[in-house]
Amino acid sequence: MVKVKVRGIYSTALSKLFIENGFKIVQPSVEIVRRLNLDPNEEEFDVEIRDRLDRNGVIVIGKNETAKDVVKVLKENLDDPIFRFLTAPHLVNCIIDIILPLYSKRKLDEMRKTVTPTLDDHHLFKTWSNEISSYVEQAEKLLEIGYPLESVKQLFYSVIERYLPRENDRMRILHYKLNGQVYELGTATVKKFFDDRLEYSRIIRSNGYYDGLEVEKEQNDIAESFTEIGEMYIVTKYYSSSGRFKGAYINFGTGVELILNGIRYVDLEIDLCVYPDNSVKVVDEEKLEEALAKGIVSEKLYNMVKEKIDFIISKSSLI
């Protein structure tokens, strides 16, 4: 039996998931003992799981084979985790960096709801800031003592509303890569945010080349983008400063999630290029296939992306 120590914002949901899959939770926190009706124990762990620094996932540290058991459970039960193995495979102990994107967070929300009152997007909001995290905890304490869910949700959203995108706001775009790097894609201006649809634009500040589109990138080009929160793609159309359409990228990634003053997603490398004559080409497909072969993405996520691409190619009105 694998013995796991879990700490951090995902601890309740992950502890429940691991128990259901035959693992033993050791050195549980007081809250986990109470919520999951466990016996307190101080047994040594095989694997320790704790939050990433940005809380956008977890770090798994432990014996090689048992850490792989953790990965197997997450791959089987979550839709879109991203795995980065930080130590050589021949070593006895290993460290695995795991991003838990939006679909994983929401699946863990549902698991947490079965043992304790939980707001929708609990795990997402817990990543925003310590201040927002405390608002989540206060709201869920109200649920615990019997306040109606709808009243608590209304109160919570009235508090965080000022952090949501508004027209003409400046917003950040956090673009996570499969190799662990994180890029902030300049600052964009919000054009519209309504009913989860987000539209924004950026001014291109440098010269160069739009890879895949086979067209020159020039200062003061305009990039106009749209997506929906939770959607697995972002459409970006490029125009010259005079308004000439240069082409479009459809970038595929994990479900777009809101963060403080912006959005976040993991780029899954594969893209669609749309040319001025509206012809379409899939690019960098081999990068996603390589990520699958290395175990960075699961077969489930790979298939989800491929299905989404087929859907978009058939939906000619998207651009």
C-alpha atoms as a PDB file:
ATOM      1  CA  MET A   1       0.000   0.000   0.000  1.00  0.00           C
ATOM      2  CA  VAL A   2       1.394   3.392  -1.047  1.00  0.00           C
ATOM      3  CA  LYS A   3       1.613   5.854   1.838  1.00  0.00           C
ATOM      4  CA  VAL A   4       1.040   9.472   0.802  1.00  0.00           C
ATOM      5  CA  LYS A   5       1.425  12.737   2.688  1.00  0.00           C
ATOM      6  CA  VAL A   6      -0.630  15.533   1.114  1.00  0.00           C
ATOM      7  CA  ARG A   7      -0.486  19.236   1.925  1.00  0.00           C
ATOM      8  CA  GLY A   8      -1.807  22.388   0.266  1.00  0.00           C
ATOM      9  CA  ILE A   9      -4.932  23.686  -1.418  1.00  0.00           C
ATOM     10  CA  TYR A  10      -5.641  20.374  -3.206  1.00  0.00           C
ATOM     11  CA  SER A  11      -5.198  18.197  -0.108  1.00  0.00           C
ATOM     12  CA  THR A  12      -8.851  17.398   0.621  1.00  0.00           C
ATOM     13  CA  ALA A  13      -9.736  16.375  -2.935  1.00  0.00           C
ATOM     14  CA  LEU A  14      -6.471  14.525  -3.587  1.00  0.00           C
ATOM     15  CA  SER A  15      -6.608  12.674  -0.268  1.00  0.00           C
ATOM     16  CA  LYS A  16     -10.106  11.461  -1.112  1.00  0.00           C
ATOM     17  CA  LEU A  17      -8.989  10.419  -4.598  1.00  0.00           C
ATOM     18  CA  PHE A  18      -5.984   8.478  -3.298  1.00  0.00           C
ATOM     19  CA  ILE A  19      -8.007   6.711  -0.596  1.00  0.00           C
ATOM     20  CA  GLU A  20     -10.499   5.605  -3.246  1.00  0.00           C
ATOM     21  CA  ASN A  21      -7.583   4.149  -5.220  1.00  0.00           C
ATOM     22  CA  GLY A  22      -6.161   2.094  -2.351  1.00  0.00           C
ATOM     23  CA  PHE A  23      -3.528   4.514  -1.022  1.00  0.00           C
ATOM     24  CA  LYS A  24      -3.058   5.324   2.657  1.00  0.00           C
ATOM     25  CA  ILE A  25      -2.961   8.952   3.811  1.00  0.00           C
ATOM     26  CA  VAL A  26      -0.258   9.437   6.433  1.00  0.00           C
ATOM     27  CA  GLN A  27       0.520  12.435   8.653  1.00  0.00           C
ATOM     28  CA  PRO A  28      -2.876  13.945   7.742  1.00  0.00           C
ATOM     29  CA  SER A  29      -3.710  17.485   8.829  1.00  0.00           C
ATOM     30  CA  VAL A  30      -6.377  18.041  11.471  1.00  0.00           C
ATOM     31  CA  GLU A  31      -8.807  19.205   8.776  1.00  0.00           C
ATOM     32  CA  ILE A  32      -8.237  16.122   6.628  1.00  0.00           C
ATOM     33  CA  VAL A  33      -8.734  13.836   9.656  1.00  0.00           C
ATOM     34  CA  ARG A  34     -12.049  15.555  10.350  1.00  0.00           C
ATOM     35  CA  ARG A  35     -13.323  15.753   6.778  1.00  0.00           C
ATOM     36  CA  LEU A  36     -12.376  12.231   5.723  1.00  0.00           C
ATOM     37  CA  ASN A  37     -12.901  10.546   9.099  1.00  0.00           C
ATOM     38  CA  LEU A  38      -9.316   9.300   9.268  1.00  0.00           C
ATOM     39  CA  ASP A  39      -7.282   8.086  12.205  1.00  0.00           C
ATOM     40  CA  PRO A  40      -4.394  10.438  13.038  1.00  0.00           C
ATOM     41  CA  ASN A  41      -1.026   8.790  12.367  1.00  0.00           C
ATOM     42  CA  GLU A  42       2.616   9.776  12.042  1.00  0.00           C
ATOM     43  CA  GLU A  43       3.731   6.954   9.750  1.00  0.00           C
ATOM     44  CA  GLU A  44       6.548   7.603   7.295  1.00  0.00           C
ATOM     45  CA  PHE A  45       5.424   8.440   3.764  1.00  0.00           C
ATOM     46  CA  ASP A  46       6.499   6.934   0.456  1.00  0.00           C
ATOM     47  CA  VAL A  47       5.416  10.027  -1.467  1.00  0.00           C
ATOM     48  CA  GLU A  48       4.894  13.643  -0.434  1.00  0.00           C
ATOM     49  CA  ILE A  49       2.615  15.963  -2.412  1.00  0.00           C
ATOM     50  CA  ARG A  50       2.615  19.721  -1.924  1.00  0.00           C
ATOM     51  CA  ASP A  51       1.601  22.849  -3.841  1.00  0.00           C
ATOM     52  CA  ARG A  52       3.699  24.373  -6.593  1.00  0.00           C
ATOM     53  CA  LEU A  53       4.877  27.869  -5.685  1.00  0.00           C
ATOM     54  CA  ASP A  54       2.175  29.384  -7.916  1.00  0.00           C
ATOM     55  CA  ARG A  55      -0.411  26.887  -6.577  1.00  0.00           C
ATOM     56  CA  ASN A  56      -1.246  25.999 -10.184  1.00  0.00           C
ATOM     57  CA  GLY A  57      -0.620  22.325  -9.463  1.00  0.00           C
ATOM     58  CA  VAL A  58       1.495  20.148  -7.196  1.00  0.00           C
ATOM     59  CA  ILE A  59       4.994  18.786  -6.711  1.00  0.00           C
ATOM     60  CA  VAL A  60       5.322  15.044  -6.087  1.00  0.00           C
ATOM     61  CA  ILE A  61       8.452  13.891  -4.257  1.00  0.00           C
ATOM     62  CA  GLY A  62       9.209  10.296  -3.378  1.00  0.00           C
ATOM     63  CA  LYS A  63      10.328   6.850  -4.337  1.00  0.00           C
ATOM     64  CA  ASN A  64      10.381   6.339  -8.067  1.00  0.00           C
ATOM     65  CA  GLU A  65       7.849   3.513  -8.393  1.00  0.00           C
ATOM     66  CA  THR A  66       5.358   4.908  -5.856  1.00  0.00           C
ATOM     67  CA  ALA A  67       5.560   8.376  -7.410  1.00  0.00           C
ATOM     68  CA  LYS A  68       4.678   6.749 -10.730  1.00  0.00           C
ATOM     69  CA  ASP A  69       1.649   5.189  -9.000  1.00  0.00           C
ATOM     70  CA  VAL A  70       0.516   8.725  -8.119  1.00  0.00           C
ATOM     71  CA  VAL A  71       0.926   9.802 -11.748  1.00  0.00           C
ATOM     72  CA  LYS A  72      -1.099   6.796 -12.910  1.00  0.00           C
ATOM     73  CA  VAL A  73      -4.022   7.686 -10.615  1.00  0.00           C
ATOM     74  CA  LEU A  74      -4.012  11.308 -11.772  1.00  0.00           C
ATOM     75  CA  LYS A  75      -3.888  10.316 -15.438  1.00  0.00           C
ATOM     76  CA  GLU A  76      -6.790   7.910 -14.977  1.00  0.00           C
ATOM     77  CA  ASN A  77      -9.020  10.264 -12.989  1.00  0.00           C
ATOM     78  CA  LEU A  78      -8.281  13.785 -14.289  1.00  0.00           C
ATOM     79  CA  ASP A  79      -8.663  15.111 -17.812  1.00  0.00           C
ATOM     80  CA  ASP A  80      -5.740  17.438 -18.387  1.00  0.00           C
ATOM     81  CA  PRO A  81      -2.818  17.288 -15.918  1.00  0.00           C
ATOM     82  CA  ILE A  82       0.607  18.132 -17.343  1.00  0.00           C
ATOM     83  CA  PHE A  83       3.573  16.119 -16.045  1.00  0.00           C
ATOM     84  CA  ARG A  84       7.205  17.213 -15.999  1.00  0.00           C
ATOM     85  CA  PHE A  85       9.734  14.734 -14.615  1.00  0.00           C
ATOM     86  CA  LEU A  86      12.529  16.698 -12.970  1.00  0.00           C
ATOM     87  CA  THR A  87      14.918  13.855 -12.098  1.00  0.00           C
ATOM     88  CA  ALA A  88      16.616  11.145 -14.141  1.00  0.00           C
ATOM     89  CA  PRO A  89      14.453   8.000 -14.452  1.00  0.00           C
ATOM     90  CA  HIS A  90      17.181   5.670 -13.094  1.00  0.00           C
ATOM     91  CA  LEU A  91      17.296   7.410  -9.692  1.00  0.00           C
ATOM     92  CA  VAL A  92      15.521   5.832  -6.704  1.00  0.00           C
ATOM     93  CA  ASN A  93      13.790   9.058  -5.713  1.00  0.00           C
ATOM     94  CA  CYS A  94      12.115  11.411  -8.133  1.00  0.00           C
ATOM     95  CA  ILE A  95      10.493  14.823  -8.321  1.00  0.00           C
ATOM     96  CA  ILE A  96       7.518  15.398 -10.600  1.00  0.00           C
ATOM     97  CA  ASP A  97       6.097  18.834 -11.352  1.00  0.00           C
ATOM     98  CA  ILE A  98       2.382  18.541 -12.146  1.00  0.00           C
ATOM     99  CA  ILE A  99       0.281  21.399 -13.481  1.00  0.00           C
ATOM    100  CA  LEU A 100      -3.423  21.005 -12.744  1.00  0.00           C
ATOM    101  CA  PRO A 101      -5.204  23.075 -15.400  1.00  0.00           C
ATOM    102  CA  LEU A 102      -8.832  24.174 -15.312  1.00  0.00           C
ATOM    103  CA  TYR A 103     -10.523  20.841 -16.080  1.00  0.00           C
ATOM    104  CA  SER A 104      -8.468  19.109 -13.392  1.00  0.00           C
ATOM    105  CA  LYS A 105      -9.246  21.851 -10.893  1.00  0.00           C
ATOM    106  CA  ARG A 106     -12.965  21.513 -11.617  1.00  0.00           C
ATOM    107  CA  LYS A 107     -12.873  17.713 -11.298  1.00  0.00           C
ATOM    108  CA  LEU A 108     -11.141  18.140  -7.929  1.00  0.00           C
ATOM    109  CA  ASP A 109     -13.815  20.692  -6.948  1.00  0.00           C
ATOM    110  CA  GLU A 110     -16.437  18.002  -7.478  1.00  0.00           C
ATOM    111  CA  MET A 111     -14.499  15.490  -5.367  1.00  0.00           C
ATOM    112  CA  ARG A 112     -14.104  18.045  -2.577  1.00  0.00           C
ATOM    113  CA  LYS A 113     -17.837  18.829  -2.627  1.00  0.00           C
ATOM    114  CA  THR A 114     -18.599  15.257  -1.600  1.00  0.00           C
ATOM    115  CA  VAL A 115     -16.909  15.743   1.787  1.00  0.00           C
ATOM    116  CA  THR A 116     -17.203  19.465   2.612  1.00  0.00           C
ATOM    117  CA  PRO A 117     -19.078  22.564   1.341  1.00  0.00           C
ATOM    118  CA  THR A 118     -17.200  23.857  -1.701  1.00  0.00           C
ATOM    119  CA  LEU A 119     -17.732  26.833  -4.002  1.00  0.00           C
ATOM    120  CA  ASP A 120     -17.630  26.358  -7.765  1.00  0.00           C
ATOM    121  CA  ASP A 121     -14.054  26.929  -8.979  1.00  0.00           C
ATOM    122  CA  HIS A 122     -12.779  26.604  -5.399  1.00  0.00           C
ATOM    123  CA  HIS A 123      -9.311  25.449  -6.480  1.00  0.00           C
ATOM    124  CA  LEU A 124      -9.023  28.121  -9.156  1.00  0.00           C
ATOM    125  CA  PHE A 125      -9.851  30.958  -6.760  1.00  0.00           C
ATOM    126  CA  LYS A 126      -7.423  29.548  -4.200  1.00  0.00           C
ATOM    127  CA  THR A 127      -4.605  30.181  -6.711  1.00  0.00           C
ATOM    128  CA  TRP A 128      -5.448  33.861  -7.192  1.00  0.00           C
ATOM    129  CA  SER A 129      -3.972  35.423  -4.057  1.00  0.00           C
ATOM    130  CA  ASN A 130      -3.899  35.006  -0.296  1.00  0.00           C
ATOM    131  CA  GLU A 131      -6.634  37.633  -0.032  1.00  0.00           C
ATOM    132  CA  ILE A 132      -8.984  35.838  -2.444  1.00  0.00           C
ATOM    133  CA  SER A 133      -8.120  32.517  -0.797  1.00  0.00           C
ATOM    134  CA  SER A 134      -9.310  33.908   2.534  1.00  0.00           C
ATOM    135  CA  TYR A 135     -12.569  35.079   0.899  1.00  0.00           C
ATOM    136  CA  VAL A 136     -13.115  31.514  -0.341  1.00  0.00           C
ATOM    137  CA  GLU A 137     -12.576  30.135   3.162  1.00  0.00           C
ATOM    138  CA  GLN A 138     -14.955  32.684   4.713  1.00  0.00           C
ATOM    139  CA  ALA A 139     -17.658  31.899   2.139  1.00  0.00           C
ATOM    140  CA  GLU A 140     -17.346  28.156   2.715  1.00  0.00           C
ATOM    141  CA  LYS A 141     -17.536  28.609   6.491  1.00  0.00           C
ATOM    142  CA  LEU A 142     -20.906  30.291   5.902  1.00  0.00           C
ATOM    143  CA  LEU A 143     -21.979  27.237   3.882  1.00  0.00           C
ATOM    144  CA  GLU A 144     -20.840  24.945   6.713  1.00  0.00           C
ATOM    145  CA  ILE A 145     -23.075  26.673   9.240  1.00  0.00           C
ATOM    146  CA  GLY A 146     -26.085  26.499   6.961  1.00  0.00           C
ATOM    147  CA  TYR A 147     -26.248  29.680   4.889  1.00  0.00           C
ATOM    148  CA  PRO A 148     -27.987  29.073   1.505  1.00  0.00           C
ATOM    149  CA  LEU A 149     -25.602  28.345  -1.372  1.00  0.00           C
ATOM    150  CA  GLU A 150     -27.065  30.959  -3.729  1.00  0.00           C
ATOM    151  CA  SER A 151     -26.832  33.707  -1.100  1.00  0.00           C
ATOM    152  CA  VAL A 152     -23.211  32.845  -0.351  1.00  0.00           C
ATOM    153  CA  LYS A 153     -22.309  32.709  -4.053  1.00  0.00           C
ATOM    154  CA  GLN A 154     -23.924  36.097  -4.623  1.00  0.00           C
ATOM    155  CA  LEU A 155     -21.970  37.582  -1.716  1.00  0.00           C
ATOM    156  CA  PHE A 156     -18.691  36.007  -2.855  1.00  0.00           C
ATOM    157  CA  TYR A 157     -19.005  37.191  -6.455  1.00  0.00           C
ATOM    158  CA  SER A 158     -19.911  40.694  -5.330  1.00  0.00           C
ATOM    159  CA  VAL A 159     -16.541  40.783  -3.540  1.00  0.00           C
ATOM    160  CA  ILE A 160     -14.413  39.423  -6.402  1.00  0.00           C
ATOM    161  CA  GLU A 161     -16.271  41.187  -9.232  1.00  0.00           C
ATOM    162  CA  ARG A 162     -13.731  44.000  -9.272  1.00  0.00           C
ATOM    163  CA  TYR A 163     -11.027  41.478 -10.221  1.00  0.00           C
ATOM    164  CA  LEU A 164     -12.846  40.225 -13.340  1.00  0.00           C
ATOM    165  CA  PRO A 165     -11.999  41.614 -16.816  1.00  0.00           C
ATOM    166  CA  ARG A 166     -13.815  44.801 -17.804  1.00  0.00           C
ATOM    167  CA  GLU A 167     -13.868  46.745 -21.070  1.00  0.00           C
ATOM    168  CA  ASN A 168     -10.652  48.748 -21.622  1.00  0.00           C
ATOM    169  CA  ASP A 169      -8.875  47.036 -18.711  1.00  0.00           C
ATOM    170  CA  ARG A 170      -5.274  45.989 -19.237  1.00  0.00           C
ATOM    171  CA  MET A 171      -4.872  42.233 -18.768  1.00  0.00           C
ATOM    172  CA  ARG A 172      -2.038  39.707 -18.514  1.00  0.00           C
ATOM    173  CA  ILE A 173      -1.729  36.551 -20.611  1.00  0.00           C
ATOM    174  CA  LEU A 174       0.233  33.785 -18.849  1.00  0.00           C
ATOM    175  CA  HIS A 175       1.337  31.272 -21.468  1.00  0.00           C
ATOM    176  CA  TYR A 176       2.680  28.090 -19.806  1.00  0.00           C
ATOM    177  CA  LYS A 177       4.859  25.804 -21.937  1.00  0.00           C
ATOM    178  CA  LEU A 178       5.144  22.031 -21.638  1.00  0.00           C
ATOM    179  CA  ASN A 179       8.845  22.395 -20.742  1.00  0.00           C
ATOM    180  CA  GLY A 180       7.960  24.369 -17.615  1.00  0.00           C
ATOM    181  CA  GLN A 181       8.683  27.863 -18.914  1.00  0.00           C
ATOM    182  CA  VAL A 182       6.074  30.586 -18.411  1.00  0.00           C
ATOM    183  CA  TYR A 183       5.786  33.561 -20.750  1.00  0.00           C
ATOM    184  CA  GLU A 184       3.771  36.698 -20.216  1.00  0.00           C
ATOM    185  CA  LEU A 185       2.580  37.649 -23.700  1.00  0.00           C
ATOM    186  CA  GLY A 186       2.704  41.391 -23.279  1.00  0.00           C
ATOM    187  CA  THR A 187      -0.261  43.317 -21.970  1.00  0.00           C
ATOM    188  CA  ALA A 188      -3.569  43.187 -23.790  1.00  0.00           C
ATOM    189  CA  THR A 189      -6.579  45.483 -23.739  1.00  0.00           C
ATOM    190  CA  VAL A 190      -9.950  43.925 -22.942  1.00  0.00           C
ATOM    191  CA  LYS A 191     -12.516  44.667 -25.640  1.00  0.00           C
ATOM    192  CA  LYS A 192     -15.388  42.616 -24.254  1.00  0.00           C
ATOM    193  CA  PHE A 193     -16.062  40.137 -21.462  1.00  0.00           C
ATOM    194  CA  PHE A 194     -19.587  38.801 -21.300  1.00  0.00           C
ATOM    195  CA  ASP A 195     -21.063  35.396 -20.535  1.00  0.00           C
ATOM    196  CA  ASP A 196     -17.553  33.838 -20.446  1.00  0.00           C
ATOM    197  CA  ARG A 197     -16.596  35.158 -23.912  1.00  0.00           C
ATOM    198  CA  LEU A 198     -13.436  37.230 -23.785  1.00  0.00           C
ATOM    199  CA  GLU A 199     -12.166  39.491 -26.552  1.00  0.00           C
ATOM    200  CA  TYR A 200      -8.889  41.394 -26.307  1.00  0.00           C
ATOM    201  CA  SER A 201      -6.237  43.029 -28.497  1.00  0.00           C
ATOM    202  CA  ARG A 202      -2.502  43.725 -28.438  1.00  0.00           C
ATOM    203  CA  ILE A 203      -0.208  46.047 -30.377  1.00  0.00           C
ATOM    204  CA  ILE A 204       2.849  44.238 -31.762  1.00  0.00           C
ATOM    205  CA  ARG A 205       5.986  46.047 -30.575  1.00  0.00           C
ATOM    206  CA  SER A 206       8.724  44.281 -32.559  1.00  0.00           C
ATOM    207  CA  ASN A 207       9.577  43.244 -36.081  1.00  0.00           C
ATOM    208  CA  GLY A 208      10.102  39.647 -37.120  1.00  0.00           C
ATOM    209  CA  TYR A 209       8.181  36.826 -38.744  1.00  0.00           C
ATOM    210  CA  TYR A 210       4.929  35.041 -37.981  1.00  0.00           C
ATOM    211  CA  ASP A 211       6.026  31.407 -37.976  1.00  0.00           C
ATOM    212  CA  GLY A 212       3.617  29.222 -39.891  1.00  0.00           C
ATOM    213  CA  LEU A 213       1.819  32.137 -41.516  1.00  0.00           C
ATOM    214  CA  GLU A 214       4.878  32.873 -43.678  1.00  0.00           C
ATOM    215  CA  VAL A 215       4.354  36.603 -43.407  1.00  0.00           C
ATOM    216  CA  GLU A 216       6.386  39.482 -41.977  1.00  0.00           C
ATOM    217  CA  LYS A 217       5.660  40.744 -38.467  1.00  0.00           C
ATOM    218  CA  GLU A 218       5.885  44.514 -38.238  1.00  0.00           C
ATOM    219  CA  GLN A 219       5.800  47.036 -35.421  1.00  0.00           C
ATOM    220  CA  ASN A 220       2.263  48.332 -34.812  1.00  0.00           C
ATOM    221  CA  ASP A 221       0.578  45.267 -36.252  1.00  0.00           C
ATOM    222  CA  ILE A 222      -2.621  44.577 -34.358  1.00  0.00           C
ATOM    223  CA  ALA A 223      -3.428  41.182 -32.820  1.00  0.00           C
ATOM    224  CA  GLU A 224      -7.117  40.662 -32.067  1.00  0.00           C
ATOM    225  CA  SER A 225      -8.016  37.585 -30.008  1.00  0.00           C
ATOM    226  CA  PHE A 226     -11.107  35.873 -28.710  1.00  0.00           C
ATOM    227  CA  THR A 227     -11.830  32.817 -26.595  1.00  0.00           C
ATOM    228  CA  GLU A 228     -14.207  31.568 -23.945  1.00  0.00           C
ATOM    229  CA  ILE A 229     -13.327  30.747 -20.377  1.00  0.00           C
ATOM    230  CA  GLY A 230     -12.897  26.969 -20.238  1.00  0.00           C
ATOM    231  CA  GLU A 231     -12.354  26.654 -23.992  1.00  0.00           C
ATOM    232  CA  MET A 232      -9.306  24.804 -25.346  1.00  0.00           C
ATOM    233  CA  TYR A 233      -8.371  27.296 -28.051  1.00  0.00           C
ATOM    234  CA  ILE A 234      -7.698  30.978 -28.609  1.00  0.00           C
ATOM    235  CA  VAL A 235      -8.200  32.576 -32.018  1.00  0.00           C
ATOM    236  CA  THR A 236      -5.823  35.446 -32.811  1.00  0.00           C
ATOM    237  CA  LYS A 237      -6.153  37.452 -36.026  1.00  0.00           C
ATOM    238  CA  TYR A 238      -3.257  39.609 -37.200  1.00  0.00           C
ATOM    239  CA  TYR A 239      -3.685  42.875 -39.085  1.00  0.00           C
ATOM    240  CA  SER A 240      -1.245  45.438 -40.398  1.00  0.00           C
ATOM    241  CA  SER A 241      -1.462  48.964 -38.972  1.00  0.00           C
ATOM    242  CA  SER A 242      -3.465  49.894 -42.077  1.00  0.00           C
ATOM    243  CA  GLY A 243      -5.987  47.081 -41.455  1.00  0.00           C
ATOM    244  CA  ARG A 244      -4.775  44.437 -43.932  1.00  0.00           C
ATOM    245  CA  PHE A 245      -5.518  40.884 -42.716  1.00  0.00           C
ATOM    246  CA  LYS A 246      -2.257  38.938 -42.465  1.00  0.00           C
ATOM    247  CA  GLY A 247      -3.651  35.645 -41.186  1.00  0.00           C
ATOM    248  CA  ALA A 248      -4.676  33.988 -37.940  1.00  0.00           C
ATOM    249  CA  TYR A 249      -3.430  31.453 -35.427  1.00  0.00           C
ATOM    250  CA  ILE A 250      -5.711  29.142 -33.522  1.00  0.00           C
ATOM    251  CA  ASN A 251      -3.652  28.156 -30.502  1.00  0.00           C
ATOM    252  CA  PHE A 252      -4.629  24.983 -28.643  1.00  0.00           C
ATOM    253  CA  GLY A 253      -4.059  24.568 -24.950  1.00  0.00           C
ATOM    254  CA  THR A 254      -5.665  23.510 -21.722  1.00  0.00           C
ATOM    255  CA  GLY A 255      -8.941  25.210 -20.829  1.00  0.00           C
ATOM    256  CA  VAL A 256      -8.491  28.980 -20.541  1.00  0.00           C
ATOM    257  CA  GLU A 257      -8.781  30.028 -16.903  1.00  0.00           C
ATOM    258  CA  LEU A 258      -9.181  33.435 -15.304  1.00  0.00           C
ATOM    259  CA  ILE A 259      -6.465  34.712 -12.996  1.00  0.00           C
ATOM    260  CA  LEU A 260      -6.072  38.054 -11.276  1.00  0.00           C
ATOM    261  CA  ASN A 261      -6.024  40.638 -14.078  1.00  0.00           C
ATOM    262  CA  GLY A 262      -5.734  38.110 -16.862  1.00  0.00           C
ATOM    263  CA  ILE A 263      -5.910  34.558 -18.177  1.00  0.00           C
ATOM    264  CA  ARG A 264      -3.746  31.442 -17.975  1.00  0.00           C
ATOM    265  CA  TYR A 265      -3.431  28.221 -19.973  1.00  0.00           C
ATOM    266  CA  VAL A 266      -0.854  25.591 -20.933  1.00  0.00           C
ATOM    267  CA  ASP A 267       0.143  25.740 -24.591  1.00  0.00           C
ATOM    268  CA  LEU A 268      -0.157  22.263 -26.113  1.00  0.00           C
ATOM    269  CA  GLU A 269       2.140  23.249 -29.018  1.00  0.00           C
ATOM    270  CA  ILE A 270      -0.169  22.263 -31.867  1.00  0.00           C
ATOM    271  CA  ASP A 271      -1.799  25.138 -33.801  1.00  0.00           C
ATOM    272  CA  LEU A 272      -3.939  25.889 -36.815  1.00  0.00           C
ATOM    273  CA  CYS A 273      -2.731  28.555 -39.229  1.00  0.00           C
ATOM    274  CA  VAL A 274      -5.393  30.388 -41.208  1.00  0.00           C
ATOM    275  CA  TYR A 275      -4.124  32.248 -44.273  1.00  0.00           C
ATOM    276  CA  PRO A 276      -5.624  35.356 -45.912  1.00  0.00           C
ATOM    277  CA  ASP A 277      -7.312  33.140 -48.530  1.00  0.00           C
ATOM    278  CA  ASN A 278      -8.965  31.214 -45.607  1.00  0.00           C
ATOM    279  CA  SER A 279      -6.982  28.032 -46.263  1.00  0.00           C
ATOM    280  CA  VAL A 280      -6.029  26.180 -43.078  1.00  0.00           C
ATOM    281  CA  LYS A 281      -2.954  24.200 -42.057  1.00  0.00           C
ATOM    282  CA  VAL A 282      -2.182  22.186 -38.891  1.00  0.00           C
ATOM    283  CA  VAL A 283       1.325  22.972 -37.609  1.00  0.00           C
ATOM    284  CA  ASP A 284       3.619  21.449 -34.963  1.00  0.00           C
ATOM    285  CA  GLU A 285       1.503  18.309 -34.586  1.00  0.00           C
ATOM    286  CA  GLU A 286       4.687  16.323 -33.949  1.00  0.00           C
ATOM    287  CA  LYS A 287       5.377  18.350 -30.770  1.00  0.00           C
ATOM    288  CA  LEU A 288       2.109  17.210 -29.192  1.00  0.00           C
ATOM    289  CA  GLU A 289       2.815  13.624 -30.261  1.00  0.00           C
ATOM    290  CA  GLU A 290       6.269  13.838 -28.651  1.00  0.00           C
ATOM    291  CA  ALA A 291       4.694  15.123 -25.420  1.00  0.00           C
ATOM    292  CA  LEU A 292       2.353  12.127 -25.434  1.00  0.00           C
ATOM    293  CA  ALA A 293       5.238   9.702 -26.013  1.00  0.00           C
ATOM    294  CA  LYS A 294       7.185  11.211 -23.093  1.00  0.00           C
ATOM    295  CA  GLY A 295       4.209  11.023 -20.732  1.00  0.00           C
ATOM    296  CA  ILE A 296       3.968  14.816 -20.381  1.00  0.00           C
ATOM    297  CA  VAL A 297       0.341  14.723 -21.522  1.00  0.00           C
ATOM    298  CA  SER A 298      -2.087  11.845 -21.165  1.00  0.00           C
ATOM    299  CA  GLU A 299      -3.723   9.984 -24.012  1.00  0.00           C
ATOM    300  CA  LYS A 300      -7.028  11.404 -22.784  1.00  0.00           C
ATOM    301  CA  LEU A 301      -5.828  14.996 -23.220  1.00  0.00           C
ATOM    302  CA  TYR A 302      -4.189  14.189 -26.558  1.00  0.00           C
ATOM    303  CA  ASN A 303      -7.489  12.815 -27.880  1.00  0.00           C
ATOM    304  CA  MET A 304      -9.433  15.802 -26.551  1.00  0.00           C
ATOM    305  CA  VAL A 305      -7.163  18.183 -28.477  1.00  0.00           C
ATOM    306  CA  LYS A 306      -7.352  16.172 -31.684  1.00  0.00           C
ATOM    307  CA  GLU A 307     -11.154  16.067 -31.484  1.00  0.00           C
ATOM    308  CA  LYS A 308     -11.253  19.827 -30.910  1.00  0.00           C
ATOM    309  CA  ILE A 309      -9.068  20.450 -33.961  1.00  0.00           C
ATOM    310  CA  ASP A 310     -11.295  18.273 -36.154  1.00  0.00           C
ATOM    311  CA  PHE A 311     -14.332  20.161 -34.856  1.00  0.00           C
ATOM    312  CA  ILE A 312     -12.832  23.571 -35.640  1.00  0.00           C
ATOM    313  CA  ILE A 313     -11.706  22.577 -39.141  1.00  0.00           C
ATOM    314  CA  SER A 314     -15.281  21.493 -39.839  1.00  0.00           C
ATOM    315  CA  LYS A 315     -16.632  24.758 -38.403  1.00  0.00           C
ATOM    316  CA  SER A 316     -15.610  27.016 -41.250  1.00  0.00           C
ATOM    317  CA  SER A 317     -17.452  30.047 -39.803  1.00  0.00           C
ATOM    318  CA  LEU A 318     -15.124  30.271 -36.768  1.00  0.00           C
ATOM    319  CA  ILE A 319     -12.777  32.767 -38.414  1.00  0.00           C
END
